[in-house]
Amino acid sequence: MALTEDADTLNVYLSDFGVSCQIGSGTAFKGILDASAENIANGIATSIEYLLTTRSSDVTSAPRGTTISVDSANYTVRENLILDDGKFSTLLLSKV
């Protein structure tokens, strides 16, 4: 039996780990925020990479420079990358 992806099945991926997100005064949506730390400069400094994974249809209006609220914290979009078949996108973010 084939699995058909629609808005309901895509939301299943976000329901357990997703946090509330909003672009400007638009409709709130769910996204999964990953804030992984990386040692740089031979371990002298640490850099945190903020990545938000969400449905592509929720972030079509999020080009570079867009301000987005993720779990009540503000970020700026650095890049909007479409994943695989285009159902999901990952936003590279900078914390404001």
C-alpha atoms as a PDB file:
ATOM      1  CA  MET A   1       0.000   0.000   0.000  1.00  0.00           C
ATOM      2  CA  ALA A   2       1.396   3.377  -1.022  1.00  0.00           C
ATOM      3  CA  LEU A   3       1.755   6.202   1.471  1.00  0.00           C
ATOM      4  CA  THR A   4       0.198   9.442   0.281  1.00  0.00           C
ATOM      5  CA  GLU A   5       1.661  12.583   1.803  1.00  0.00           C
ATOM      6  CA  ASP A   6      -0.693  15.455   2.465  1.00  0.00           C
ATOM      7  CA  ALA A   7      -0.837  18.275   5.028  1.00  0.00           C
ATOM      8  CA  ASP A   8      -1.970  15.886   7.774  1.00  0.00           C
ATOM      9  CA  THR A   9       0.762  13.314   7.259  1.00  0.00           C
ATOM     10  CA  LEU A  10       3.444  16.003   6.967  1.00  0.00           C
ATOM     11  CA  ASN A  11       2.340  17.477  10.298  1.00  0.00           C
ATOM     12  CA  VAL A  12       2.975  14.114  11.987  1.00  0.00           C
ATOM     13  CA  TYR A  13       6.702  14.705  11.542  1.00  0.00           C
ATOM     14  CA  LEU A  14       6.468  18.032  13.364  1.00  0.00           C
ATOM     15  CA  SER A  15       3.907  17.279  16.087  1.00  0.00           C
ATOM     16  CA  ASP A  16       6.217  15.637  18.634  1.00  0.00           C
ATOM     17  CA  PHE A  17       9.276  17.892  18.456  1.00  0.00           C
ATOM     18  CA  GLY A  18       8.020  21.025  16.712  1.00  0.00           C
ATOM     19  CA  VAL A  19       7.915  24.447  18.363  1.00  0.00           C
ATOM     20  CA  SER A  20       5.756  27.424  17.455  1.00  0.00           C
ATOM     21  CA  CYS A  21       7.121  29.623  14.644  1.00  0.00           C
ATOM     22  CA  GLN A  22       5.819  32.766  12.971  1.00  0.00           C
ATOM     23  CA  ILE A  23       6.959  35.052  10.166  1.00  0.00           C
ATOM     24  CA  GLY A  24       5.899  38.616  10.917  1.00  0.00           C
ATOM     25  CA  SER A  25       2.190  38.704  11.727  1.00  0.00           C
ATOM     26  CA  GLY A  26       1.487  35.628   9.587  1.00  0.00           C
ATOM     27  CA  THR A  27      -0.068  32.347  10.644  1.00  0.00           C
ATOM     28  CA  ALA A  28       1.823  30.322  13.257  1.00  0.00           C
ATOM     29  CA  PHE A  29       3.287  26.995  12.146  1.00  0.00           C
ATOM     30  CA  LYS A  30       5.444  24.221  13.640  1.00  0.00           C
ATOM     31  CA  GLY A  31       9.149  23.726  13.044  1.00  0.00           C
ATOM     32  CA  ILE A  32      11.987  21.722  14.560  1.00  0.00           C
ATOM     33  CA  LEU A  33      14.863  23.902  15.780  1.00  0.00           C
ATOM     34  CA  ASP A  34      18.343  22.400  15.909  1.00  0.00           C
ATOM     35  CA  ALA A  35      21.057  24.439  17.605  1.00  0.00           C
ATOM     36  CA  SER A  36      24.235  22.419  17.246  1.00  0.00           C
ATOM     37  CA  ALA A  37      27.542  23.732  18.588  1.00  0.00           C
ATOM     38  CA  GLU A  38      30.789  23.409  16.656  1.00  0.00           C
ATOM     39  CA  ASN A  39      34.319  24.087  17.837  1.00  0.00           C
ATOM     40  CA  ILE A  40      36.187  26.449  15.527  1.00  0.00           C
ATOM     41  CA  ALA A  41      39.679  27.983  15.447  1.00  0.00           C
ATOM     42  CA  ASN A  42      41.324  24.835  16.826  1.00  0.00           C
ATOM     43  CA  GLY A  43      38.925  24.722  19.782  1.00  0.00           C
ATOM     44  CA  ILE A  44      39.431  28.331  20.843  1.00  0.00           C
ATOM     45  CA  ALA A  45      35.841  29.316  20.070  1.00  0.00           C
ATOM     46  CA  THR A  46      32.430  27.718  19.714  1.00  0.00           C
ATOM     47  CA  SER A  47      29.923  28.558  16.991  1.00  0.00           C
ATOM     48  CA  ILE A  48      26.239  27.647  17.178  1.00  0.00           C
ATOM     49  CA  GLU A  49      24.458  26.784  13.927  1.00  0.00           C
ATOM     50  CA  TYR A  50      20.697  27.396  14.127  1.00  0.00           C
ATOM     51  CA  LEU A  51      18.669  25.255  11.695  1.00  0.00           C
ATOM     52  CA  LEU A  52      14.881  25.212  11.439  1.00  0.00           C
ATOM     53  CA  THR A  53      13.218  22.336   9.584  1.00  0.00           C
ATOM     54  CA  THR A  54       9.584  22.830   8.595  1.00  0.00           C
ATOM     55  CA  ARG A  55       7.127  22.348   5.742  1.00  0.00           C
ATOM     56  CA  SER A  56       8.193  24.255   2.645  1.00  0.00           C
ATOM     57  CA  SER A  57       4.674  25.623   2.193  1.00  0.00           C
ATOM     58  CA  ASP A  58       5.015  27.463   5.542  1.00  0.00           C
ATOM     59  CA  VAL A  59       8.225  29.290   4.610  1.00  0.00           C
ATOM     60  CA  THR A  60       7.789  30.277   0.965  1.00  0.00           C
ATOM     61  CA  SER A  61       7.727  33.914   2.135  1.00  0.00           C
ATOM     62  CA  ALA A  62      11.066  33.623   4.002  1.00  0.00           C
ATOM     63  CA  PRO A  63      13.922  34.788   1.767  1.00  0.00           C
ATOM     64  CA  ARG A  64      17.293  35.886   3.134  1.00  0.00           C
ATOM     65  CA  GLY A  65      16.925  38.702   5.687  1.00  0.00           C
ATOM     66  CA  THR A  66      13.421  37.763   6.864  1.00  0.00           C
ATOM     67  CA  THR A  67      12.809  37.944  10.626  1.00  0.00           C
ATOM     68  CA  ILE A  68      11.196  34.854  12.104  1.00  0.00           C
ATOM     69  CA  SER A  69      10.058  34.061  15.651  1.00  0.00           C
ATOM     70  CA  VAL A  70      10.910  30.524  16.813  1.00  0.00           C
ATOM     71  CA  ASP A  71       9.699  29.456  20.263  1.00  0.00           C
ATOM     72  CA  SER A  72       9.427  33.168  21.257  1.00  0.00           C
ATOM     73  CA  ALA A  73      13.008  34.021  20.178  1.00  0.00           C
ATOM     74  CA  ASN A  74      13.801  36.144  17.113  1.00  0.00           C
ATOM     75  CA  TYR A  75      16.071  34.993  14.294  1.00  0.00           C
ATOM     76  CA  THR A  76      17.048  36.255  10.832  1.00  0.00           C
ATOM     77  CA  VAL A  77      16.946  33.898   7.855  1.00  0.00           C
ATOM     78  CA  ARG A  78      20.387  33.446   6.245  1.00  0.00           C
ATOM     79  CA  GLU A  79      19.294  30.843   3.709  1.00  0.00           C
ATOM     80  CA  ASN A  80      16.136  28.904   2.786  1.00  0.00           C
ATOM     81  CA  LEU A  81      17.069  25.429   1.493  1.00  0.00           C
ATOM     82  CA  ILE A  82      14.552  22.993   0.003  1.00  0.00           C
ATOM     83  CA  LEU A  83      15.113  19.363   1.059  1.00  0.00           C
ATOM     84  CA  ASP A  84      14.782  16.297  -1.184  1.00  0.00           C
ATOM     85  CA  ASP A  85      11.304  16.253  -2.773  1.00  0.00           C
ATOM     86  CA  GLY A  86      10.466  19.821  -1.692  1.00  0.00           C
ATOM     87  CA  LYS A  87       7.944  18.969   1.031  1.00  0.00           C
ATOM     88  CA  PHE A  88      10.308  20.228   3.760  1.00  0.00           C
ATOM     89  CA  SER A  89      12.805  23.083   3.946  1.00  0.00           C
ATOM     90  CA  THR A  90      15.645  23.928   6.297  1.00  0.00           C
ATOM     91  CA  LEU A  91      16.198  27.554   7.208  1.00  0.00           C
ATOM     92  CA  LEU A  92      19.712  28.574   8.241  1.00  0.00           C
ATOM     93  CA  LEU A  93      19.198  31.180  10.953  1.00  0.00           C
ATOM     94  CA  SER A  94      21.129  33.826  12.884  1.00  0.00           C
ATOM     95  CA  LYS A  95      19.933  34.714  16.371  1.00  0.00           C
ATOM     96  CA  VAL A  96      18.943  38.380  16.729  1.00  0.00           C
END
